[in-house]
Amino acid sequence: ELFFLSPMVFESFEDFGNRVIKVTHTQHELADDLYAHVKQKFMEHAGEDGARCFDMPMRVDLLAKS
């Protein structure tokens, strides 16, 4: 097993929403106040070129034939 952080870059909050919030097969909606809070926190990290300070935890399992 290898564990590492992979940098994530989002062009906008809409891009973040599509790639993080809506990534599941389950249809769910965030409550308005929670959505506003998530957007506020995202915007604290966003600049003119989007948001670049997010790290996604990753895990890779290396398999070998035996």
Protein backbone atom coordinates (compact mmCIF):
# COMPACT_ATOMS: atom_id res chain seq x y z
CA GLU A 1 0.00 0.00 0.00
CA LEU A 2 1.15 3.49 -0.81
CA PHE A 3 -0.47 6.56 0.72
CA PHE A 4 0.09 10.09 -0.56
CA LEU A 5 -1.57 13.45 -1.10
CA SER A 6 -2.47 14.45 -4.63
CA PRO A 7 -2.88 18.18 -5.31
CA MET A 8 -6.28 19.19 -6.62
CA VAL A 9 -6.92 22.33 -8.67
CA PHE A 10 -10.40 23.72 -9.22
CA GLU A 11 -11.21 26.41 -11.77
CA SER A 12 -14.25 27.60 -9.82
CA PHE A 13 -16.69 26.65 -7.09
CA GLU A 14 -18.87 25.09 -9.81
CA ASP A 15 -15.92 22.90 -10.83
CA PHE A 16 -15.42 21.94 -7.16
CA GLY A 17 -19.11 21.10 -6.84
CA ASN A 18 -19.09 18.86 -9.90
CA ARG A 19 -15.88 17.02 -8.95
CA VAL A 20 -16.36 16.76 -5.17
CA ILE A 21 -19.91 17.40 -3.99
CA LYS A 22 -21.69 15.66 -6.89
CA VAL A 23 -19.16 12.86 -7.42
CA THR A 24 -21.34 10.18 -5.81
CA HIS A 25 -23.95 8.06 -7.55
CA THR A 26 -26.40 8.99 -4.80
CA GLN A 27 -28.59 12.01 -5.47
CA HIS A 28 -28.24 14.26 -2.44
CA GLU A 29 -28.64 17.93 -1.77
CA LEU A 30 -26.79 19.95 0.82
CA ALA A 31 -28.96 22.12 3.05
CA ASP A 32 -28.79 25.76 1.97
CA ASP A 33 -26.86 26.86 5.06
CA LEU A 34 -24.32 24.04 4.73
CA TYR A 35 -23.88 24.74 1.00
CA ALA A 36 -23.27 28.43 1.77
CA HIS A 37 -20.71 27.49 4.43
CA VAL A 38 -18.86 25.13 2.07
CA LYS A 39 -18.84 27.81 -0.64
CA GLN A 40 -17.54 30.42 1.82
CA LYS A 41 -14.70 28.12 2.90
CA PHE A 42 -13.86 27.32 -0.72
CA MET A 43 -13.77 31.01 -1.65
CA GLU A 44 -11.26 31.67 1.16
CA HIS A 45 -8.79 29.59 -0.90
CA ALA A 46 -9.76 30.81 -4.37
CA GLY A 47 -7.93 33.36 -6.45
CA GLU A 48 -8.23 34.68 -9.98
CA ASP A 49 -6.85 31.37 -11.31
CA GLY A 50 -9.11 29.16 -9.17
CA ALA A 51 -8.29 27.25 -6.01
CA ARG A 52 -5.03 25.33 -5.75
CA CYS A 53 -4.50 24.50 -2.09
CA PHE A 54 -6.46 21.28 -1.78
CA ASP A 55 -4.78 17.92 -1.23
CA MET A 56 -6.72 14.70 -1.81
CA PRO A 57 -5.62 11.68 0.22
CA MET A 58 -4.87 8.77 -2.12
CA ARG A 59 -4.17 5.08 -1.57
CA VAL A 60 -2.66 2.74 -4.12
CA ASP A 61 -2.48 -1.03 -3.63
CA LEU A 62 0.38 -2.65 -5.53
CA LEU A 63 -0.48 -6.17 -6.59
CA ALA A 64 1.87 -8.85 -7.85
CA LYS A 65 1.24 -12.24 -9.44
CA SER A 66 2.21 -15.13 -7.26
